[in-house]
C-alpha atoms as a PDB file:
ATOM      1  CA  MET A   1     105.772 115.327 144.801  1.00  0.00           C
ATOM      2  CA  THR A   2     108.593 114.358 142.428  1.00  0.00           C
ATOM      3  CA  LYS A   3     109.952 111.170 140.914  1.00  0.00           C
ATOM      4  CA  ASP A   4     112.888 111.395 143.318  1.00  0.00           C
ATOM      5  CA  GLU A   5     110.455 111.268 146.232  1.00  0.00           C
ATOM      6  CA  ILE A   6     108.712 108.245 144.770  1.00  0.00           C
ATOM      7  CA  VAL A   7     112.015 106.425 144.392  1.00  0.00           C
ATOM      8  CA  ALA A   8     113.047 107.324 147.949  1.00  0.00           C
ATOM      9  CA  VAL A   9     109.816 105.892 149.352  1.00  0.00           C
ATOM     10  CA  LEU A  10     110.120 102.713 147.281  1.00  0.00           C
ATOM     11  CA  ASN A  11     113.706 102.212 148.426  1.00  0.00           C
ATOM     12  CA  THR A  12     112.761 102.716 152.064  1.00  0.00           C
ATOM     13  CA  ARG A  13     109.749 100.420 152.023  1.00  0.00           C
ATOM     14  CA  LEU A  14     111.350  97.651 149.985  1.00  0.00           C
ATOM     15  CA  GLN A  15     114.933  98.176 151.139  1.00  0.00           C
ATOM     16  CA  LYS A  16     116.190  98.747 147.597  1.00  0.00           C
ATOM     17  CA  THR A  17     118.725 101.086 146.012  1.00  0.00           C
ATOM     18  CA  GLU A  18     116.893 102.029 142.825  1.00  0.00           C
ATOM     19  CA  THR A  19     117.125 105.347 140.958  1.00  0.00           C
ATOM     20  CA  THR A  20     114.745 107.302 138.759  1.00  0.00           C
ATOM     21  CA  THR A  21     116.601 105.793 135.796  1.00  0.00           C
ATOM     22  CA  THR A  22     116.460 102.153 136.846  1.00  0.00           C
ATOM     23  CA  ILE A  23     112.725 102.213 137.593  1.00  0.00           C
ATOM     24  CA  ALA A  24     111.610 104.802 135.041  1.00  0.00           C
ATOM     25  CA  GLU A  25     109.148 102.397 133.409  1.00  0.00           C
ATOM     26  CA  ASP A  26     107.732 101.318 136.774  1.00  0.00           C
ATOM     27  CA  ILE A  27     107.064 104.964 137.654  1.00  0.00           C
ATOM     28  CA  ARG A  28     105.329 105.493 134.319  1.00  0.00           C
ATOM     29  CA  ALA A  29     103.255 102.354 134.867  1.00  0.00           C
ATOM     30  CA  GLY A  30     102.277 103.467 138.372  1.00  0.00           C
ATOM     31  CA  LEU A  31     101.263 106.941 137.205  1.00  0.00           C
ATOM     32  CA  LYS A  32      99.242 105.392 134.388  1.00  0.00           C
ATOM     33  CA  TYR A  33      97.508 103.153 136.920  1.00  0.00           C
ATOM     34  CA  VAL A  34      96.500 106.131 139.042  1.00  0.00           C
ATOM     35  CA  SER A  35      95.484 108.086 135.906  1.00  0.00           C
ATOM     36  CA  GLU A  36      93.022 105.311 135.085  1.00  0.00           C
ATOM     37  CA  GLY A  37      91.601 105.274 138.600  1.00  0.00           C
ATOM     38  CA  GLY A  38      89.245 108.212 138.189  1.00  0.00           C
ATOM     39  CA  LEU A  39      88.348 111.479 136.471  1.00  0.00           C
ATOM     40  CA  TRP A  40      90.964 113.498 138.355  1.00  0.00           C
ATOM     41  CA  PRO A  41      90.730 117.319 138.219  1.00  0.00           C
ATOM     42  CA  CYS A  42      94.510 117.666 137.979  1.00  0.00           C
ATOM     43  CA  LEU A  43      94.515 115.700 134.718  1.00  0.00           C
ATOM     44  CA  HIS A  44      91.667 117.566 133.025  1.00  0.00           C
ATOM     45  CA  HIS A  45      93.094 119.116 129.867  1.00  0.00           C
ATOM     46  CA  THR A  46      92.102 120.790 126.593  1.00  0.00           C
ATOM     47  CA  ALA A  47      93.298 120.608 123.007  1.00  0.00           C
ATOM     48  CA  THR A  48      92.237 123.034 120.283  1.00  0.00           C
ATOM     49  CA  GLY A  49      92.449 123.182 116.523  1.00  0.00           C
ATOM     50  CA  ALA A  50      90.970 124.551 113.327  1.00  0.00           C
ATOM     51  CA  LEU A  51      87.868 122.990 111.830  1.00  0.00           C
ATOM     52  CA  THR A  52      87.908 123.659 108.102  1.00  0.00           C
ATOM     53  CA  SER A  53      85.175 123.061 105.573  1.00  0.00           C
ATOM     54  CA  ALA A  54      84.343 119.374 104.949  1.00  0.00           C
ATOM     55  CA  THR A  55      86.136 118.170 108.080  1.00  0.00           C
ATOM     56  CA  GLN A  56      84.753 114.759 108.950  1.00  0.00           C
ATOM     57  CA  TYR A  57      86.651 113.859 112.110  1.00  0.00           C
ATOM     58  CA  ILE A  58      88.941 115.008 114.894  1.00  0.00           C
ATOM     59  CA  ALA A  59      91.762 112.700 116.002  1.00  0.00           C
ATOM     60  CA  TRP A  60      92.146 111.998 119.703  1.00  0.00           C
ATOM     61  CA  PRO A  61      94.909 113.896 121.494  1.00  0.00           C
ATOM     62  CA  THR A  62      97.789 111.457 121.993  1.00  0.00           C
ATOM     63  CA  ASP A  63      97.487 111.588 125.798  1.00  0.00           C
ATOM     64  CA  HIS A  64      93.677 111.272 125.808  1.00  0.00           C
ATOM     65  CA  ARG A  65      92.178 108.878 128.343  1.00  0.00           C
ATOM     66  CA  ALA A  66      88.510 109.887 128.694  1.00  0.00           C
ATOM     67  CA  LEU A  67      86.417 112.435 126.819  1.00  0.00           C
ATOM     68  CA  ASP A  68      84.648 115.186 128.714  1.00  0.00           C
ATOM     69  CA  ALA A  69      83.225 117.223 125.833  1.00  0.00           C
ATOM     70  CA  ILE A  70      83.895 118.767 122.426  1.00  0.00           C
ATOM     71  CA  THR A  71      82.772 122.332 121.733  1.00  0.00           C
ATOM     72  CA  ILE A  72      82.771 124.348 118.516  1.00  0.00           C
ATOM     73  CA  ASN A  73      83.466 128.078 118.229  1.00  0.00           C
ATOM     74  CA  ASP A  74      82.220 129.928 115.159  1.00  0.00           C
ATOM     75  CA  GLY A  75      84.214 133.060 115.933  1.00  0.00           C
ATOM     76  CA  THR A  76      81.440 134.581 118.030  1.00  0.00           C
ATOM     77  CA  TYR A  77      80.024 131.907 120.295  1.00  0.00           C
ATOM     78  CA  GLU A  78      81.173 128.683 121.926  1.00  0.00           C
ATOM     79  CA  SER A  79      78.665 125.904 121.310  1.00  0.00           C
ATOM     80  CA  ARG A  80      77.067 123.590 123.767  1.00  0.00           C
ATOM     81  CA  PRO A  81      79.036 120.334 124.131  1.00  0.00           C
ATOM     82  CA  LEU A  82      78.418 118.095 121.120  1.00  0.00           C
ATOM     83  CA  THR A  83      76.185 115.129 121.937  1.00  0.00           C
ATOM     84  CA  ARG A  84      76.785 111.507 120.993  1.00  0.00           C
ATOM     85  CA  LEU A  85      74.993 110.412 117.845  1.00  0.00           C
ATOM     86  CA  ASP A  86      72.248 107.848 118.433  1.00  0.00           C
ATOM     87  CA  GLY A  87      73.292 104.764 116.513  1.00  0.00           C
ATOM     88  CA  GLY A  88      76.983 105.589 116.768  1.00  0.00           C
ATOM     89  CA  PHE A  89      79.370 105.224 113.846  1.00  0.00           C
ATOM     90  CA  ASP A  90      76.950 103.109 111.804  1.00  0.00           C
ATOM     91  CA  GLN A  91      74.448 105.949 111.898  1.00  0.00           C
ATOM     92  CA  TRP A  92      77.197 108.413 111.011  1.00  0.00           C
ATOM     93  CA  LEU A  93      77.976 106.372 107.878  1.00  0.00           C
ATOM     94  CA  LYS A  94      74.297 106.227 106.980  1.00  0.00           C
ATOM     95  CA  ASN A  95      74.048 109.995 107.334  1.00  0.00           C
ATOM     96  CA  ARG A  96      76.823 110.391 104.757  1.00  0.00           C
ATOM     97  CA  GLU A  97      74.874 108.540 102.060  1.00  0.00           C
ATOM     98  CA  ASP A  98      74.032 110.901  99.180  1.00  0.00           C
ATOM     99  CA  GLU A  99      75.470 113.792 101.174  1.00  0.00           C
ATOM    100  CA  THR A 100      76.721 116.867  99.314  1.00  0.00           C
ATOM    101  CA  SER A 101      78.441 120.035 100.459  1.00  0.00           C
ATOM    102  CA  SER A 102      75.052 121.732 100.574  1.00  0.00           C
ATOM    103  CA  ASN A 103      74.288 119.551 103.624  1.00  0.00           C
ATOM    104  CA  TYR A 104      77.386 120.669 105.532  1.00  0.00           C
ATOM    105  CA  SER A 105      76.723 122.743 108.624  1.00  0.00           C
ATOM    106  CA  THR A 106      77.893 123.406 112.168  1.00  0.00           C
ATOM    107  CA  PRO A 107      78.572 120.019 113.811  1.00  0.00           C
ATOM    108  CA  THR A 108      76.265 119.197 116.721  1.00  0.00           C
ATOM    109  CA  GLU A 109      76.919 115.480 117.293  1.00  0.00           C
ATOM    110  CA  ILE A 110      79.817 113.029 117.340  1.00  0.00           C
ATOM    111  CA  ALA A 111      80.394 109.333 116.797  1.00  0.00           C
ATOM    112  CA  GLU A 112      83.513 107.582 118.067  1.00  0.00           C
ATOM    113  CA  ARG A 113      85.571 105.147 116.011  1.00  0.00           C
ATOM    114  CA  ALA A 114      89.233 104.048 115.870  1.00  0.00           C
ATOM    115  CA  GLN A 115      90.701 106.852 117.985  1.00  0.00           C
ATOM    116  CA  LYS A 116      88.749 109.547 116.158  1.00  0.00           C
ATOM    117  CA  TRP A 117      85.590 111.554 116.794  1.00  0.00           C
ATOM    118  CA  TYR A 118      83.448 111.820 113.674  1.00  0.00           C
ATOM    119  CA  LEU A 119      81.423 115.022 113.297  1.00  0.00           C
ATOM    120  CA  ASP A 120      77.779 115.175 112.321  1.00  0.00           C
ATOM    121  CA  PRO A 121      76.920 117.026 110.232  1.00  0.00           C
ATOM    122  CA  VAL A 122      80.218 117.474 108.403  1.00  0.00           C
ATOM    123  CA  SER A 123      81.452 121.024 108.947  1.00  0.00           C
ATOM    124  CA  ASP A 124      80.713 123.780 106.460  1.00  0.00           C
ATOM    125  CA  ASP A 125      82.993 126.761 105.715  1.00  0.00           C
ATOM    126  CA  ASN A 126      81.441 128.943 108.460  1.00  0.00           C
ATOM    127  CA  GLY A 127      80.904 131.760 106.001  1.00  0.00           C
ATOM    128  CA  GLY A 128      84.535 131.692 104.890  1.00  0.00           C
ATOM    129  CA  SER A 129      86.051 131.632 108.367  1.00  0.00           C
ATOM    130  CA  ASP A 130      87.186 128.350 109.926  1.00  0.00           C
ATOM    131  CA  TYR A 131      85.567 127.081 113.084  1.00  0.00           C
ATOM    132  CA  THR A 132      87.778 126.216 116.003  1.00  0.00           C
ATOM    133  CA  TYR A 133      87.156 123.209 118.180  1.00  0.00           C
ATOM    134  CA  THR A 134      88.130 122.459 121.761  1.00  0.00           C
ATOM    135  CA  VAL A 135      88.409 118.926 123.095  1.00  0.00           C
ATOM    136  CA  HIS A 136      87.980 118.791 126.868  1.00  0.00           C
ATOM    137  CA  PHE A 137      89.342 115.538 128.230  1.00  0.00           C
ATOM    138  CA  TRP A 138      91.122 113.724 131.004  1.00  0.00           C
ATOM    139  CA  ARG A 139      94.631 112.712 130.051  1.00  0.00           C
ATOM    140  CA  TYR A 140      97.197 110.212 131.203  1.00  0.00           C
ATOM    141  CA  HIS A 141      99.824 111.668 133.486  1.00  0.00           C
ATOM    142  CA  PRO A 142     102.653 113.048 131.313  1.00  0.00           C
ATOM    143  CA  ASN A 143     106.133 111.582 131.604  1.00  0.00           C
ATOM    144  CA  GLN A 144     107.914 114.389 133.470  1.00  0.00           C
ATOM    145  CA  SER A 145     109.889 114.944 136.668  1.00  0.00           C
ATOM    146  CA  GLU A 146     107.166 116.965 138.381  1.00  0.00           C
ATOM    147  CA  ILE A 147     104.160 114.954 139.471  1.00  0.00           C
ATOM    148  CA  LEU A 148     100.816 116.648 138.768  1.00  0.00           C
ATOM    149  CA  PHE A 149      98.920 114.717 141.416  1.00  0.00           C
ATOM    150  CA  PRO A 150      98.474 116.818 144.577  1.00  0.00           C
ATOM    151  CA  GLU A 151      99.580 115.828 148.067  1.00  0.00           C
ATOM    152  CA  SER A 152      96.344 113.958 148.726  1.00  0.00           C
ATOM    153  CA  PHE A 153      97.469 111.412 146.103  1.00  0.00           C
ATOM    154  CA  ARG A 154     100.818 110.617 147.723  1.00  0.00           C
ATOM    155  CA  GLU A 155      99.960 107.195 149.100  1.00  0.00           C
ATOM    156  CA  ALA A 156      97.990 106.235 146.000  1.00  0.00           C
ATOM    157  CA  VAL A 157     100.983 107.070 143.809  1.00  0.00           C
ATOM    158  CA  PHE A 158     103.551 105.439 146.092  1.00  0.00           C
ATOM    159  CA  ASN A 159     101.560 102.220 146.342  1.00  0.00           C
ATOM    160  CA  ALA A 160     100.780 102.119 142.623  1.00  0.00           C
ATOM    161  CA  VAL A 161     104.436 102.513 141.651  1.00  0.00           C
ATOM    162  CA  ILE A 162     105.578  99.916 144.193  1.00  0.00           C
ATOM    163  CA  GLY A 163     102.865  97.550 142.966  1.00  0.00           C
ATOM    164  CA  LYS A 164     103.914  97.937 139.335  1.00  0.00           C
ATOM    165  CA  TYR A 165     107.585  97.591 140.341  1.00  0.00           C
ATOM    166  CA  LEU A 166     106.888  94.274 142.076  1.00  0.00           C
ATOM    167  CA  LEU A 167     104.623  93.050 139.285  1.00  0.00           C
ATOM    168  CA  ALA A 168     107.365  93.648 136.714  1.00  0.00           C
ATOM    169  CA  ARG A 169     109.660  91.483 138.858  1.00  0.00           C
ATOM    170  CA  LYS A 170     107.130  88.662 139.049  1.00  0.00           C
ATOM    171  CA  GLN A 171     106.254  89.206 142.704  1.00  0.00           C
ATOM    172  CA  ALA A 172     102.546  89.035 141.975  1.00  0.00           C
ATOM    173  CA  ASN A 173     101.211  88.470 145.497  1.00  0.00           C
ATOM    174  CA  SER A 174     103.020  91.473 146.928  1.00  0.00           C
ATOM    175  CA  ALA A 175     102.106  93.546 143.864  1.00  0.00           C
ATOM    176  CA  VAL A 176      98.406  92.817 144.330  1.00  0.00           C
ATOM    177  CA  PHE A 177      98.621  93.996 147.936  1.00  0.00           C
ATOM    178  CA  TYR A 178     100.166  97.356 147.009  1.00  0.00           C
ATOM    179  CA  LEU A 179      97.825  97.929 144.084  1.00  0.00           C
ATOM    180  CA  ALA A 180      94.860  97.213 146.340  1.00  0.00           C
ATOM    181  CA  CYS A 181      96.244  99.802 148.768  1.00  0.00           C
ATOM    182  CA  ALA A 182      96.401 102.297 145.891  1.00  0.00           C
ATOM    183  CA  ASP A 183      92.794 101.513 144.992  1.00  0.00           C
ATOM    184  CA  ARG A 184      91.648 102.123 148.564  1.00  0.00           C
ATOM    185  CA  GLU A 185      93.443 105.472 148.634  1.00  0.00           C
ATOM    186  CA  MET A 186      91.877 106.541 145.336  1.00  0.00           C
ATOM    187  CA  ALA A 187      88.387 105.533 146.453  1.00  0.00           C
ATOM    188  CA  ASP A 188      88.341 108.435 148.904  1.00  0.00           C
ATOM    189  CA  LEU A 189      89.619 111.107 146.509  1.00  0.00           C
ATOM    190  CA  PRO A 190      87.259 113.611 144.819  1.00  0.00           C
ATOM    191  CA  GLN A 191      86.630 113.220 141.092  1.00  0.00           C
ATOM    192  CA  ASP A 192      85.235 115.477 138.377  1.00  0.00           C
ATOM    193  CA  SER A 193      81.804 115.055 136.872  1.00  0.00           C
ATOM    194  CA  LYS A 194      81.659 115.146 133.095  1.00  0.00           C
ATOM    195  CA  GLN A 195      81.086 118.559 131.492  1.00  0.00           C
ATOM    196  CA  THR A 196      81.289 120.394 134.825  1.00  0.00           C
ATOM    197  CA  LYS A 197      84.279 122.363 133.554  1.00  0.00           C
ATOM    198  CA  ILE A 198      82.722 123.501 130.279  1.00  0.00           C
ATOM    199  CA  LYS A 199      81.718 127.146 129.950  1.00  0.00           C
ATOM    200  CA  TYR A 200      79.733 127.987 126.819  1.00  0.00           C
ATOM    201  CA  ARG A 201      77.213 130.338 125.296  1.00  0.00           C
ATOM    202  CA  ASP A 202      74.308 129.121 123.217  1.00  0.00           C
ATOM    203  CA  VAL A 203      74.728 129.558 119.505  1.00  0.00           C
END
């Protein structure tokens, strides 16, 4: 599936003469709508980085939509997925009271706040060698010519784009119909379960 195909279907069904340029934002909006419709395997992604001593948080990847898991590698083993801290960010702040570098260690929990994941405990120096982290997540569909959704998503994508196209042109009743059609198509598509894709070895 490509953007050209999406435009061709929209033009046929609505009797329009649009191009990928004239409805670029409608295509993006439709793909975003489908991205938000489930935990789709084709949008599962990873981002990695270095975790240096005294690191307190990891920023979300820019295309992040939903977190699957965060794992830490100490150079030998990949950790179990970090768990969410009971008490959330308030507890994370409390845990930092009177903290010194002697309390730093391998992070095992996270708290979420303002597009960041805060690590608990704060990371130590891993014996002089940085940790690496991997964020496993579901992303929004990237803005590119090739559509990542497989063939089973065709009608969901077509209807979502048409719905967003009509909504942007203040044809709300028709837009609702097409978006509802997209929802029905997505309801029958298989989704991931969280942390099913994570392979790790106990530390």
